[in-house]
Amino acid sequence: MKRLLLLSAALLVASAALAQGTYYRQRSSLFEALPVRSSDIVFVGNSITDGGEWAELFDRHRVLNRGISGDRSSWLLDRLDPIVAGRPKKVFLMIGTNDLAAGLSPRSVVANVARLIDRFAAESPRTKIYVQSVLPVNDRIEGVSWGHWRRKAEIRETNLLLEKLCWRRRNVLFLDLTPVLADGEGLLDKRYTNDGLHLTGEGYLVWRDAVAPYVK
């Protein structure tokens, strides 16, 4: 039985490494080498964060991008050490859409976000954390297919749970981006996406403007 459990654990580790891929490991190793300072503002998340040129968007060189395409909440926890160790001034987090697409439950995502908040509370209590909502998706974009599209209800549930989590935590604020990036039906607005999941330049400008008061 013990041998079976060890084999299962090894298979899970191997599967995670395979799923993360070459790009994930390259970018993660870069972030381990780059310092985070106490004056920094750090954007953390998956491909949606990864795609933003945050220092240029805010015209501030100390606004750092720590997003990695394909990231999940549990993987983010595994690469959190260099960020927490730098004790940054602020962290803007967006995570969860890939978890949900892979079949994880909203409660599992929120539990991992709670662990992230606990790490900062214990090791960098002065860091202000902004938990941004998981963005809506749009399944009406022709020619593109994402498994994320089947998770619209789960995205809404995750955001409700994230908001409740933030109510109960000191130095943590929930930022709901849905009102500015969704259309009248609650889908990711076609003006801001060309694949129903990721943002175009116009989408990043809207996102920037929504969080700018908190960055400043």
N, C-alpha and C. Protein backbone atom coordinates (compact mmCIF):
# COMPACT_ATOMS: atom_id res chain seq x y z
N MET A 1 0.84 -1.22 0.00
CA MET A 1 0.00 0.00 0.00
C MET A 1 0.87 1.26 0.00
N LYS A 2 1.91 1.24 0.85
CA LYS A 2 2.81 2.40 0.92
C LYS A 2 3.50 2.61 -0.41
N ARG A 3 3.93 1.50 -1.06
CA ARG A 3 4.60 1.61 -2.35
C ARG A 3 3.66 2.19 -3.39
N LEU A 4 2.39 1.80 -3.34
CA LEU A 4 1.39 2.31 -4.27
C LEU A 4 1.18 3.81 -4.09
N LEU A 5 1.15 4.25 -2.82
CA LEU A 5 0.98 5.68 -2.53
C LEU A 5 2.17 6.48 -3.03
N LEU A 6 3.38 5.95 -2.83
CA LEU A 6 4.58 6.64 -3.30
C LEU A 6 4.59 6.72 -4.82
N LEU A 7 4.17 5.65 -5.48
CA LEU A 7 4.11 5.65 -6.94
C LEU A 7 3.10 6.66 -7.44
N SER A 8 1.95 6.73 -6.78
CA SER A 8 0.92 7.70 -7.17
C SER A 8 1.42 9.12 -7.01
N ALA A 9 2.12 9.39 -5.88
CA ALA A 9 2.66 10.73 -5.66
C ALA A 9 3.68 11.09 -6.73
N ALA A 10 4.53 10.13 -7.08
CA ALA A 10 5.54 10.38 -8.11
C ALA A 10 4.89 10.67 -9.46
N LEU A 11 3.83 9.94 -9.77
CA LEU A 11 3.12 10.17 -11.03
C LEU A 11 2.47 11.55 -11.06
N LEU A 12 1.95 11.99 -9.93
CA LEU A 12 1.35 13.31 -9.85
C LEU A 12 2.39 14.39 -10.08
N VAL A 13 3.57 14.23 -9.47
CA VAL A 13 4.66 15.20 -9.67
C VAL A 13 5.08 15.22 -11.12
N ALA A 14 5.23 14.05 -11.73
CA ALA A 14 5.63 13.97 -13.14
C ALA A 14 4.58 14.59 -14.05
N SER A 15 3.31 14.35 -13.75
CA SER A 15 2.23 14.92 -14.56
C SER A 15 2.22 16.44 -14.47
N ALA A 16 2.44 16.97 -13.26
CA ALA A 16 2.47 18.42 -13.09
C ALA A 16 3.62 19.03 -13.87
N ALA A 17 4.81 18.39 -13.80
CA ALA A 17 5.97 18.90 -14.52
C ALA A 17 5.72 18.90 -16.02
N LEU A 18 5.08 17.82 -16.52
CA LEU A 18 4.77 17.74 -17.95
C LEU A 18 3.77 18.82 -18.35
N ALA A 19 2.74 19.01 -17.51
CA ALA A 19 1.71 20.00 -17.82
C ALA A 19 2.28 21.42 -17.81
N GLN A 20 3.21 21.67 -16.89
CA GLN A 20 3.79 23.01 -16.80
C GLN A 20 4.59 23.36 -18.05
N GLY A 21 5.32 22.43 -18.59
CA GLY A 21 5.99 22.65 -19.86
C GLY A 21 7.28 23.45 -19.77
N THR A 22 7.95 23.55 -20.92
CA THR A 22 9.25 24.21 -21.00
C THR A 22 9.15 25.69 -20.68
N TYR A 23 8.16 26.38 -21.26
CA TYR A 23 8.02 27.81 -21.04
C TYR A 23 7.80 28.10 -19.57
N TYR A 24 6.97 27.32 -18.92
CA TYR A 24 6.67 27.54 -17.50
C TYR A 24 7.94 27.45 -16.68
N ARG A 25 8.73 26.41 -16.92
CA ARG A 25 9.94 26.21 -16.13
C ARG A 25 10.99 27.28 -16.45
N GLN A 26 11.06 27.72 -17.71
CA GLN A 26 11.99 28.80 -18.06
C GLN A 26 11.63 30.07 -17.31
N ARG A 27 10.37 30.43 -17.36
CA ARG A 27 9.96 31.69 -16.74
C ARG A 27 10.06 31.63 -15.22
N SER A 28 9.70 30.49 -14.66
CA SER A 28 9.79 30.32 -13.21
C SER A 28 11.24 30.45 -12.74
N SER A 29 12.18 29.88 -13.49
CA SER A 29 13.59 29.98 -13.11
C SER A 29 14.09 31.41 -13.21
N LEU A 30 13.57 32.17 -14.20
CA LEU A 30 13.95 33.58 -14.31
C LEU A 30 13.48 34.36 -13.09
N PHE A 31 12.26 34.09 -12.65
CA PHE A 31 11.71 34.82 -11.51
C PHE A 31 12.44 34.47 -10.23
N GLU A 32 12.99 33.27 -10.15
CA GLU A 32 13.79 32.90 -8.98
C GLU A 32 15.08 33.71 -8.92
N ALA A 33 15.57 34.10 -10.10
CA ALA A 33 16.84 34.84 -10.17
C ALA A 33 16.67 36.34 -10.02
N LEU A 34 15.48 36.86 -10.35
CA LEU A 34 15.25 38.30 -10.30
C LEU A 34 14.75 38.71 -8.91
N PRO A 35 15.33 39.75 -8.32
CA PRO A 35 14.93 40.14 -6.97
C PRO A 35 13.60 40.89 -6.95
N VAL A 36 12.88 40.72 -5.87
CA VAL A 36 11.71 41.53 -5.56
C VAL A 36 12.07 42.38 -4.35
N ARG A 37 11.75 43.68 -4.40
CA ARG A 37 12.11 44.59 -3.32
C ARG A 37 10.88 45.10 -2.60
N SER A 38 11.10 45.68 -1.45
CA SER A 38 9.98 46.13 -0.62
C SER A 38 9.22 47.31 -1.24
N SER A 39 9.83 47.98 -2.20
CA SER A 39 9.15 49.09 -2.88
C SER A 39 8.38 48.64 -4.11
N ASP A 40 8.43 47.35 -4.43
CA ASP A 40 7.84 46.84 -5.68
C ASP A 40 6.35 46.59 -5.57
N ILE A 41 5.70 46.70 -6.70
CA ILE A 41 4.30 46.30 -6.88
C ILE A 41 4.32 45.14 -7.86
N VAL A 42 3.76 43.99 -7.47
CA VAL A 42 3.93 42.77 -8.24
C VAL A 42 2.58 42.26 -8.75
N PHE A 43 2.50 42.03 -10.06
CA PHE A 43 1.34 41.40 -10.66
C PHE A 43 1.63 39.91 -10.83
N VAL A 44 0.78 39.07 -10.26
CA VAL A 44 1.01 37.63 -10.21
C VAL A 44 -0.19 36.91 -10.82
N GLY A 45 0.09 35.87 -11.63
CA GLY A 45 -1.02 35.12 -12.19
C GLY A 45 -0.60 34.24 -13.35
N ASN A 46 -1.56 33.98 -14.24
CA ASN A 46 -1.35 33.08 -15.36
C ASN A 46 -1.11 33.86 -16.66
N SER A 47 -1.50 33.30 -17.80
CA SER A 47 -1.21 33.93 -19.09
C SER A 47 -1.83 35.31 -19.24
N ILE A 48 -2.95 35.54 -18.59
CA ILE A 48 -3.61 36.85 -18.71
C ILE A 48 -2.75 37.92 -18.05
N THR A 49 -2.16 37.60 -16.92
CA THR A 49 -1.20 38.52 -16.29
C THR A 49 0.10 38.55 -17.08
N ASP A 50 0.56 37.40 -17.48
CA ASP A 50 1.81 37.27 -18.24
C ASP A 50 1.81 38.19 -19.47
N GLY A 51 0.67 38.33 -20.11
CA GLY A 51 0.59 39.11 -21.34
C GLY A 51 0.63 40.62 -21.17
N GLY A 52 0.60 41.11 -19.95
CA GLY A 52 0.58 42.55 -19.70
C GLY A 52 1.97 43.14 -19.51
N GLU A 53 2.25 44.21 -20.22
CA GLU A 53 3.52 44.94 -20.02
C GLU A 53 3.28 45.96 -18.91
N TRP A 54 3.32 45.48 -17.67
CA TRP A 54 2.82 46.27 -16.55
C TRP A 54 3.66 47.50 -16.24
N ALA A 55 4.96 47.38 -16.36
CA ALA A 55 5.81 48.55 -16.10
C ALA A 55 5.52 49.66 -17.10
N GLU A 56 5.27 49.30 -18.35
CA GLU A 56 4.95 50.30 -19.36
C GLU A 56 3.52 50.81 -19.23
N LEU A 57 2.61 49.91 -18.89
CA LEU A 57 1.22 50.33 -18.73
C LEU A 57 1.09 51.40 -17.64
N PHE A 58 1.87 51.25 -16.58
CA PHE A 58 1.81 52.22 -15.48
C PHE A 58 2.95 53.22 -15.49
N ASP A 59 3.85 53.09 -16.45
CA ASP A 59 5.00 53.98 -16.56
C ASP A 59 5.77 54.02 -15.24
N ARG A 60 5.95 52.84 -14.65
CA ARG A 60 6.69 52.71 -13.40
C ARG A 60 7.53 51.44 -13.47
N HIS A 61 8.85 51.58 -13.43
CA HIS A 61 9.71 50.43 -13.64
C HIS A 61 9.67 49.44 -12.48
N ARG A 62 9.15 49.85 -11.34
CA ARG A 62 9.07 48.93 -10.20
C ARG A 62 7.73 48.21 -10.11
N VAL A 63 6.94 48.25 -11.17
CA VAL A 63 5.74 47.41 -11.26
C VAL A 63 6.15 46.15 -12.01
N LEU A 64 6.21 45.02 -11.32
CA LEU A 64 6.80 43.80 -11.86
C LEU A 64 5.74 42.82 -12.36
N ASN A 65 6.10 42.09 -13.40
CA ASN A 65 5.25 41.02 -13.93
C ASN A 65 5.78 39.68 -13.46
N ARG A 66 4.97 38.96 -12.69
CA ARG A 66 5.31 37.62 -12.26
C ARG A 66 4.22 36.64 -12.71
N GLY A 67 3.66 36.89 -13.88
CA GLY A 67 2.68 35.98 -14.45
C GLY A 67 3.37 34.93 -15.31
N ILE A 68 2.81 33.72 -15.33
CA ILE A 68 3.30 32.64 -16.19
C ILE A 68 2.12 31.99 -16.88
N SER A 69 2.21 31.90 -18.19
CA SER A 69 1.15 31.28 -18.97
C SER A 69 0.89 29.85 -18.50
N GLY A 70 -0.38 29.52 -18.31
CA GLY A 70 -0.77 28.18 -17.88
C GLY A 70 -0.77 27.96 -16.39
N ASP A 71 -0.43 28.98 -15.61
CA ASP A 71 -0.27 28.79 -14.17
C ASP A 71 -1.59 28.41 -13.50
N ARG A 72 -1.45 27.66 -12.43
CA ARG A 72 -2.58 27.27 -11.58
C ARG A 72 -2.26 27.68 -10.15
N SER A 73 -3.29 27.68 -9.32
CA SER A 73 -3.12 28.20 -7.97
C SER A 73 -2.12 27.37 -7.15
N SER A 74 -2.14 26.05 -7.30
CA SER A 74 -1.21 25.21 -6.55
C SER A 74 0.21 25.39 -7.04
N TRP A 75 0.39 25.58 -8.34
CA TRP A 75 1.73 25.81 -8.90
C TRP A 75 2.27 27.16 -8.44
N LEU A 76 1.38 28.14 -8.38
CA LEU A 76 1.79 29.46 -7.91
C LEU A 76 2.31 29.39 -6.48
N LEU A 77 1.64 28.60 -5.65
CA LEU A 77 2.11 28.43 -4.27
C LEU A 77 3.53 27.87 -4.24
N ASP A 78 3.84 26.98 -5.17
CA ASP A 78 5.16 26.36 -5.20
C ASP A 78 6.26 27.33 -5.62
N ARG A 79 5.90 28.41 -6.34
CA ARG A 79 6.93 29.36 -6.80
C ARG A 79 6.82 30.71 -6.07
N LEU A 80 6.19 30.71 -4.94
CA LEU A 80 5.91 31.95 -4.23
C LEU A 80 7.08 32.48 -3.42
N ASP A 81 8.03 31.63 -3.08
CA ASP A 81 9.10 32.02 -2.15
C ASP A 81 9.83 33.32 -2.53
N PRO A 82 10.30 33.49 -3.78
CA PRO A 82 11.04 34.72 -4.10
C PRO A 82 10.20 35.99 -3.96
N ILE A 83 8.90 35.85 -4.16
CA ILE A 83 8.02 37.02 -4.06
C ILE A 83 7.81 37.39 -2.60
N VAL A 84 7.48 36.40 -1.79
CA VAL A 84 7.26 36.66 -0.36
C VAL A 84 8.53 37.16 0.30
N ALA A 85 9.67 36.57 -0.08
CA ALA A 85 10.95 36.95 0.53
C ALA A 85 11.29 38.41 0.27
N GLY A 86 10.83 38.96 -0.88
CA GLY A 86 11.10 40.35 -1.19
C GLY A 86 10.23 41.33 -0.43
N ARG A 87 9.18 40.83 0.22
CA ARG A 87 8.25 41.67 0.99
C ARG A 87 7.79 42.90 0.19
N PRO A 88 7.16 42.65 -0.96
CA PRO A 88 6.75 43.76 -1.82
C PRO A 88 5.69 44.64 -1.17
N LYS A 89 5.59 45.85 -1.68
CA LYS A 89 4.63 46.80 -1.15
C LYS A 89 3.20 46.34 -1.42
N LYS A 90 2.95 45.86 -2.66
CA LYS A 90 1.61 45.43 -3.05
C LYS A 90 1.72 44.23 -3.98
N VAL A 91 0.70 43.37 -3.94
CA VAL A 91 0.59 42.24 -4.85
C VAL A 91 -0.80 42.25 -5.47
N PHE A 92 -0.85 42.17 -6.79
CA PHE A 92 -2.11 42.07 -7.52
C PHE A 92 -2.20 40.65 -8.09
N LEU A 93 -3.13 39.89 -7.57
CA LEU A 93 -3.25 38.47 -7.90
C LEU A 93 -4.46 38.21 -8.80
N MET A 94 -4.25 37.42 -9.86
CA MET A 94 -5.36 36.87 -10.63
C MET A 94 -5.01 35.43 -10.97
N ILE A 95 -5.77 34.48 -10.45
CA ILE A 95 -5.48 33.07 -10.65
C ILE A 95 -6.78 32.26 -10.56
N GLY A 96 -6.82 31.14 -11.28
CA GLY A 96 -7.97 30.25 -11.12
C GLY A 96 -8.56 29.71 -12.40
N THR A 97 -8.44 30.45 -13.50
CA THR A 97 -9.14 30.01 -14.71
C THR A 97 -8.59 28.68 -15.22
N ASN A 98 -7.29 28.45 -15.12
CA ASN A 98 -6.73 27.17 -15.58
C ASN A 98 -7.06 26.04 -14.62
N ASP A 99 -7.16 26.34 -13.33
CA ASP A 99 -7.61 25.34 -12.36
C ASP A 99 -8.99 24.82 -12.73
N LEU A 100 -9.89 25.76 -12.98
CA LEU A 100 -11.27 25.40 -13.29
C LEU A 100 -11.35 24.62 -14.60
N ALA A 101 -10.57 25.01 -15.60
CA ALA A 101 -10.57 24.31 -16.88
C ALA A 101 -10.07 22.88 -16.72
N ALA A 102 -9.18 22.67 -15.73
CA ALA A 102 -8.63 21.33 -15.49
C ALA A 102 -9.54 20.49 -14.60
N GLY A 103 -10.66 21.07 -14.15
CA GLY A 103 -11.64 20.31 -13.37
C GLY A 103 -11.60 20.52 -11.88
N LEU A 104 -10.72 21.43 -11.39
CA LEU A 104 -10.72 21.72 -9.96
C LEU A 104 -11.96 22.51 -9.57
N SER A 105 -12.37 22.38 -8.34
CA SER A 105 -13.58 23.06 -7.89
C SER A 105 -13.26 24.50 -7.48
N PRO A 106 -14.27 25.37 -7.52
CA PRO A 106 -14.06 26.73 -7.03
C PRO A 106 -13.53 26.77 -5.60
N ARG A 107 -14.01 25.89 -4.75
CA ARG A 107 -13.54 25.89 -3.35
C ARG A 107 -12.06 25.52 -3.25
N SER A 108 -11.59 24.65 -4.15
CA SER A 108 -10.17 24.29 -4.15
C SER A 108 -9.31 25.49 -4.54
N VAL A 109 -9.78 26.24 -5.54
CA VAL A 109 -9.06 27.44 -5.96
C VAL A 109 -8.97 28.43 -4.81
N VAL A 110 -10.08 28.68 -4.16
CA VAL A 110 -10.13 29.67 -3.08
C VAL A 110 -9.31 29.20 -1.89
N ALA A 111 -9.29 27.92 -1.63
CA ALA A 111 -8.46 27.40 -0.54
C ALA A 111 -6.99 27.68 -0.80
N ASN A 112 -6.56 27.55 -2.06
CA ASN A 112 -5.16 27.86 -2.40
C ASN A 112 -4.87 29.35 -2.29
N VAL A 113 -5.82 30.18 -2.69
CA VAL A 113 -5.64 31.62 -2.54
C VAL A 113 -5.54 31.98 -1.06
N ALA A 114 -6.32 31.32 -0.23
CA ALA A 114 -6.24 31.55 1.22
C ALA A 114 -4.85 31.18 1.75
N ARG A 115 -4.27 30.11 1.23
CA ARG A 115 -2.91 29.72 1.64
C ARG A 115 -1.90 30.78 1.22
N LEU A 116 -2.08 31.33 0.04
CA LEU A 116 -1.19 32.41 -0.42
C LEU A 116 -1.29 33.61 0.51
N ILE A 117 -2.49 34.00 0.86
CA ILE A 117 -2.69 35.13 1.76
C ILE A 117 -2.05 34.85 3.12
N ASP A 118 -2.19 33.61 3.59
CA ASP A 118 -1.60 33.23 4.87
C ASP A 118 -0.07 33.36 4.85
N ARG A 119 0.53 33.00 3.71
CA ARG A 119 1.99 33.13 3.60
C ARG A 119 2.43 34.58 3.78
N PHE A 120 1.74 35.47 3.11
CA PHE A 120 2.09 36.89 3.24
C PHE A 120 1.80 37.40 4.65
N ALA A 121 0.68 36.99 5.21
CA ALA A 121 0.33 37.44 6.56
C ALA A 121 1.40 37.03 7.57
N ALA A 122 1.98 35.86 7.37
CA ALA A 122 2.98 35.35 8.30
C ALA A 122 4.38 35.92 8.04
N GLU A 123 4.73 36.11 6.76
CA GLU A 123 6.11 36.43 6.42
C GLU A 123 6.31 37.84 5.85
N SER A 124 5.24 38.44 5.38
CA SER A 124 5.33 39.81 4.84
C SER A 124 4.03 40.56 5.14
N PRO A 125 3.75 40.77 6.42
CA PRO A 125 2.43 41.29 6.82
C PRO A 125 2.12 42.69 6.31
N ARG A 126 3.12 43.45 5.90
CA ARG A 126 2.87 44.80 5.41
C ARG A 126 2.48 44.83 3.93
N THR A 127 2.61 43.71 3.25
CA THR A 127 2.23 43.65 1.84
C THR A 127 0.71 43.74 1.71
N LYS A 128 0.27 44.69 0.91
CA LYS A 128 -1.15 44.83 0.62
C LYS A 128 -1.49 43.93 -0.56
N ILE A 129 -2.51 43.08 -0.39
CA ILE A 129 -2.87 42.11 -1.42
C ILE A 129 -4.20 42.49 -2.06
N TYR A 130 -4.20 42.55 -3.37
CA TYR A 130 -5.42 42.81 -4.14
C TYR A 130 -5.75 41.55 -4.93
N VAL A 131 -6.82 40.88 -4.54
CA VAL A 131 -7.26 39.67 -5.22
C VAL A 131 -8.22 40.09 -6.33
N GLN A 132 -7.80 39.93 -7.56
CA GLN A 132 -8.64 40.32 -8.69
C GLN A 132 -9.52 39.15 -9.11
N SER A 133 -10.70 39.46 -9.57
CA SER A 133 -11.64 38.42 -9.97
C SER A 133 -11.12 37.63 -11.16
N VAL A 134 -11.49 36.34 -11.22
CA VAL A 134 -11.23 35.54 -12.41
C VAL A 134 -12.06 36.13 -13.55
N LEU A 135 -11.42 36.39 -14.68
CA LEU A 135 -12.13 37.05 -15.77
C LEU A 135 -13.18 36.15 -16.39
N PRO A 136 -14.26 36.74 -16.89
CA PRO A 136 -15.24 35.94 -17.62
C PRO A 136 -14.65 35.45 -18.93
N VAL A 137 -15.31 34.49 -19.57
CA VAL A 137 -14.90 33.99 -20.88
C VAL A 137 -16.02 34.25 -21.87
N ASN A 138 -15.75 34.04 -23.13
CA ASN A 138 -16.76 34.26 -24.18
C ASN A 138 -16.70 33.09 -25.16
N ASP A 139 -17.78 32.31 -25.21
CA ASP A 139 -17.84 31.12 -26.08
C ASP A 139 -18.45 31.42 -27.44
N ARG A 140 -18.53 32.68 -27.80
CA ARG A 140 -19.13 33.06 -29.08
C ARG A 140 -18.12 33.63 -30.07
N ILE A 141 -16.85 33.40 -29.77
CA ILE A 141 -15.80 33.80 -30.70
C ILE A 141 -15.57 32.64 -31.67
N GLU A 142 -15.74 32.87 -32.95
CA GLU A 142 -15.63 31.81 -33.94
C GLU A 142 -14.19 31.39 -34.18
N GLY A 143 -13.99 30.10 -34.41
CA GLY A 143 -12.69 29.59 -34.82
C GLY A 143 -11.74 29.27 -33.69
N VAL A 144 -12.15 29.46 -32.44
CA VAL A 144 -11.27 29.19 -31.30
C VAL A 144 -12.03 28.33 -30.31
N SER A 145 -11.33 27.38 -29.70
CA SER A 145 -11.99 26.49 -28.73
C SER A 145 -11.14 26.36 -27.48
N TRP A 146 -11.72 26.72 -26.34
CA TRP A 146 -11.05 26.59 -25.05
C TRP A 146 -11.94 25.79 -24.11
N GLY A 147 -11.33 24.88 -23.33
CA GLY A 147 -12.10 24.16 -22.33
C GLY A 147 -12.64 25.08 -21.26
N HIS A 148 -12.02 26.26 -21.12
CA HIS A 148 -12.46 27.24 -20.14
C HIS A 148 -13.90 27.68 -20.38
N TRP A 149 -14.35 27.60 -21.61
CA TRP A 149 -15.70 28.08 -21.94
C TRP A 149 -16.80 27.34 -21.19
N ARG A 150 -16.51 26.08 -20.83
CA ARG A 150 -17.53 25.28 -20.14
C ARG A 150 -17.59 25.60 -18.66
N ARG A 151 -16.81 26.57 -18.21
CA ARG A 151 -16.69 26.83 -16.77
C ARG A 151 -17.26 28.18 -16.35
N LYS A 152 -18.20 28.71 -17.10
CA LYS A 152 -18.72 30.05 -16.78
C LYS A 152 -19.37 30.08 -15.40
N ALA A 153 -20.15 29.05 -15.06
CA ALA A 153 -20.80 29.01 -13.73
C ALA A 153 -19.75 28.89 -12.63
N GLU A 154 -18.71 28.09 -12.88
CA GLU A 154 -17.65 27.91 -11.89
C GLU A 154 -16.86 29.21 -11.68
N ILE A 155 -16.67 29.98 -12.75
CA ILE A 155 -15.99 31.26 -12.62
C ILE A 155 -16.78 32.20 -11.71
N ARG A 156 -18.08 32.25 -11.94
CA ARG A 156 -18.92 33.11 -11.10
C ARG A 156 -18.88 32.67 -9.63
N GLU A 157 -18.95 31.36 -9.40
CA GLU A 157 -18.91 30.86 -8.02
C GLU A 157 -17.56 31.16 -7.37
N THR A 158 -16.49 30.98 -8.12
CA THR A 158 -15.15 31.27 -7.59
C THR A 158 -15.04 32.72 -7.16
N ASN A 159 -15.55 33.63 -7.98
CA ASN A 159 -15.46 35.05 -7.65
C ASN A 159 -16.28 35.40 -6.40
N LEU A 160 -17.42 34.78 -6.25
CA LEU A 160 -18.22 35.01 -5.05
C LEU A 160 -17.47 34.53 -3.80
N LEU A 161 -16.84 33.37 -3.91
CA LEU A 161 -16.09 32.83 -2.78
C LEU A 161 -14.84 33.65 -2.49
N LEU A 162 -14.19 34.14 -3.54
CA LEU A 162 -13.02 35.00 -3.34
C LEU A 162 -13.40 36.29 -2.63
N GLU A 163 -14.52 36.85 -3.02
CA GLU A 163 -14.96 38.09 -2.38
C GLU A 163 -15.22 37.86 -0.89
N LYS A 164 -15.87 36.75 -0.57
CA LYS A 164 -16.13 36.43 0.84
C LYS A 164 -14.83 36.21 1.61
N LEU A 165 -13.89 35.55 0.96
CA LEU A 165 -12.59 35.32 1.59
C LEU A 165 -11.91 36.64 1.95
N CYS A 166 -11.94 37.57 1.02
CA CYS A 166 -11.26 38.85 1.23
C CYS A 166 -11.92 39.69 2.32
N TRP A 167 -13.22 39.55 2.48
CA TRP A 167 -13.92 40.27 3.55
C TRP A 167 -13.33 39.92 4.91
N ARG A 168 -12.89 38.67 5.04
CA ARG A 168 -12.47 38.16 6.35
C ARG A 168 -10.99 38.35 6.61
N ARG A 169 -10.26 38.91 5.66
CA ARG A 169 -8.80 38.99 5.80
C ARG A 169 -8.32 40.43 5.91
N ARG A 170 -7.40 40.63 6.81
CA ARG A 170 -6.80 41.95 7.00
C ARG A 170 -5.81 42.24 5.88
N ASN A 171 -5.80 43.47 5.42
CA ASN A 171 -4.84 43.92 4.41
C ASN A 171 -5.06 43.26 3.04
N VAL A 172 -6.29 42.80 2.79
CA VAL A 172 -6.63 42.14 1.53
C VAL A 172 -7.90 42.77 0.97
N LEU A 173 -7.88 43.07 -0.32
CA LEU A 173 -9.03 43.70 -0.97
C LEU A 173 -9.38 42.94 -2.24
N PHE A 174 -10.66 42.69 -2.45
CA PHE A 174 -11.14 42.03 -3.67
C PHE A 174 -11.49 43.09 -4.71
N LEU A 175 -10.95 42.92 -5.91
CA LEU A 175 -11.23 43.83 -7.01
C LEU A 175 -11.99 43.08 -8.10
N ASP A 176 -13.24 43.43 -8.30
CA ASP A 176 -14.07 42.76 -9.30
C ASP A 176 -13.92 43.48 -10.64
N LEU A 177 -13.29 42.81 -11.61
CA LEU A 177 -13.08 43.39 -12.93
C LEU A 177 -14.19 43.06 -13.91
N THR A 178 -15.12 42.23 -13.49
CA THR A 178 -16.20 41.82 -14.39
C THR A 178 -17.01 43.01 -14.93
N PRO A 179 -17.37 43.98 -14.11
CA PRO A 179 -18.19 45.08 -14.64
C PRO A 179 -17.52 45.86 -15.78
N VAL A 180 -16.20 45.93 -15.80
CA VAL A 180 -15.54 46.73 -16.83
C VAL A 180 -15.11 45.91 -18.03
N LEU A 181 -15.01 44.57 -17.89
CA LEU A 181 -14.52 43.75 -19.00
C LEU A 181 -15.57 42.82 -19.59
N ALA A 182 -16.75 42.75 -18.97
CA ALA A 182 -17.81 41.88 -19.48
C ALA A 182 -18.84 42.68 -20.27
N ASP A 183 -19.55 41.98 -21.16
CA ASP A 183 -20.64 42.62 -21.89
C ASP A 183 -21.92 42.51 -21.09
N GLY A 184 -23.04 42.88 -21.68
CA GLY A 184 -24.31 42.89 -20.96
C GLY A 184 -24.79 41.51 -20.55
N GLU A 185 -24.23 40.45 -21.17
CA GLU A 185 -24.63 39.09 -20.82
C GLU A 185 -23.64 38.42 -19.88
N GLY A 186 -22.66 39.18 -19.42
CA GLY A 186 -21.69 38.62 -18.49
C GLY A 186 -20.54 37.87 -19.13
N LEU A 187 -20.42 37.95 -20.47
CA LEU A 187 -19.32 37.31 -21.19
C LEU A 187 -18.19 38.31 -21.38
N LEU A 188 -16.98 37.80 -21.56
CA LEU A 188 -15.85 38.67 -21.85
C LEU A 188 -16.15 39.45 -23.12
N ASP A 189 -16.12 40.76 -23.02
CA ASP A 189 -16.55 41.63 -24.11
C ASP A 189 -15.69 41.42 -25.35
N LYS A 190 -16.33 41.25 -26.50
CA LYS A 190 -15.62 41.02 -27.76
C LYS A 190 -14.72 42.19 -28.12
N ARG A 191 -14.98 43.34 -27.56
CA ARG A 191 -14.10 44.48 -27.83
C ARG A 191 -12.71 44.28 -27.23
N TYR A 192 -12.60 43.38 -26.24
CA TYR A 192 -11.37 43.25 -25.48
C TYR A 192 -10.69 41.89 -25.63
N THR A 193 -11.19 41.04 -26.54
CA THR A 193 -10.60 39.71 -26.72
C THR A 193 -10.75 39.27 -28.17
N ASN A 194 -9.82 38.46 -28.63
CA ASN A 194 -9.97 37.88 -29.96
C ASN A 194 -9.99 36.35 -29.92
N ASP A 195 -9.99 35.79 -28.71
CA ASP A 195 -10.09 34.34 -28.58
C ASP A 195 -11.05 33.90 -27.47
N GLY A 196 -11.73 34.85 -26.85
CA GLY A 196 -12.71 34.52 -25.81
C GLY A 196 -12.14 34.29 -24.43
N LEU A 197 -10.81 34.35 -24.31
CA LEU A 197 -10.17 34.07 -23.02
C LEU A 197 -9.13 35.12 -22.65
N HIS A 198 -8.24 35.43 -23.59
CA HIS A 198 -7.15 36.38 -23.35
C HIS A 198 -7.54 37.78 -23.81
N LEU A 199 -6.78 38.76 -23.34
CA LEU A 199 -7.10 40.15 -23.63
C LEU A 199 -6.28 40.70 -24.79
N THR A 200 -6.89 41.60 -25.54
CA THR A 200 -6.16 42.39 -26.52
C THR A 200 -5.64 43.65 -25.82
N GLY A 201 -4.93 44.48 -26.60
CA GLY A 201 -4.39 45.71 -26.02
C GLY A 201 -5.45 46.57 -25.38
N GLU A 202 -6.61 46.67 -26.03
CA GLU A 202 -7.70 47.49 -25.47
C GLU A 202 -8.15 46.95 -24.12
N GLY A 203 -8.15 45.63 -24.00
CA GLY A 203 -8.55 45.02 -22.73
C GLY A 203 -7.58 45.34 -21.61
N TYR A 204 -6.28 45.32 -21.94
CA TYR A 204 -5.28 45.65 -20.91
C TYR A 204 -5.38 47.11 -20.46
N LEU A 205 -5.72 47.98 -21.39
CA LEU A 205 -5.88 49.39 -21.00
C LEU A 205 -7.06 49.56 -20.06
N VAL A 206 -8.14 48.83 -20.31
CA VAL A 206 -9.31 48.89 -19.42
C VAL A 206 -8.94 48.33 -18.05
N TRP A 207 -8.24 47.22 -18.03
CA TRP A 207 -7.79 46.61 -16.77
C TRP A 207 -6.90 47.58 -16.01
N ARG A 208 -5.94 48.16 -16.72
CA ARG A 208 -5.05 49.12 -16.07
C ARG A 208 -5.82 50.26 -15.42
N ASP A 209 -6.75 50.83 -16.15
CA ASP A 209 -7.50 51.97 -15.62
C ASP A 209 -8.34 51.57 -14.40
N ALA A 210 -8.82 50.31 -14.39
CA ALA A 210 -9.65 49.86 -13.27
C ALA A 210 -8.84 49.72 -11.98
N VAL A 211 -7.59 49.31 -12.10
CA VAL A 211 -6.79 49.08 -10.88
C VAL A 211 -5.81 50.22 -10.59
N ALA A 212 -5.73 51.19 -11.49
CA ALA A 212 -4.77 52.29 -11.34
C ALA A 212 -4.89 53.00 -9.99
N PRO A 213 -6.09 53.27 -9.49
CA PRO A 213 -6.17 53.96 -8.18
C PRO A 213 -5.52 53.16 -7.05
N TYR A 214 -5.51 51.85 -7.16
CA TYR A 214 -4.92 51.01 -6.12
C TYR A 214 -3.41 50.85 -6.30
N VAL A 215 -2.96 50.91 -7.55
CA VAL A 215 -1.52 50.87 -7.82
C VAL A 215 -0.87 52.13 -7.29
N LYS A 216 -1.52 53.27 -7.49
CA LYS A 216 -0.97 54.55 -7.05
C LYS A 216 -1.06 54.74 -5.55
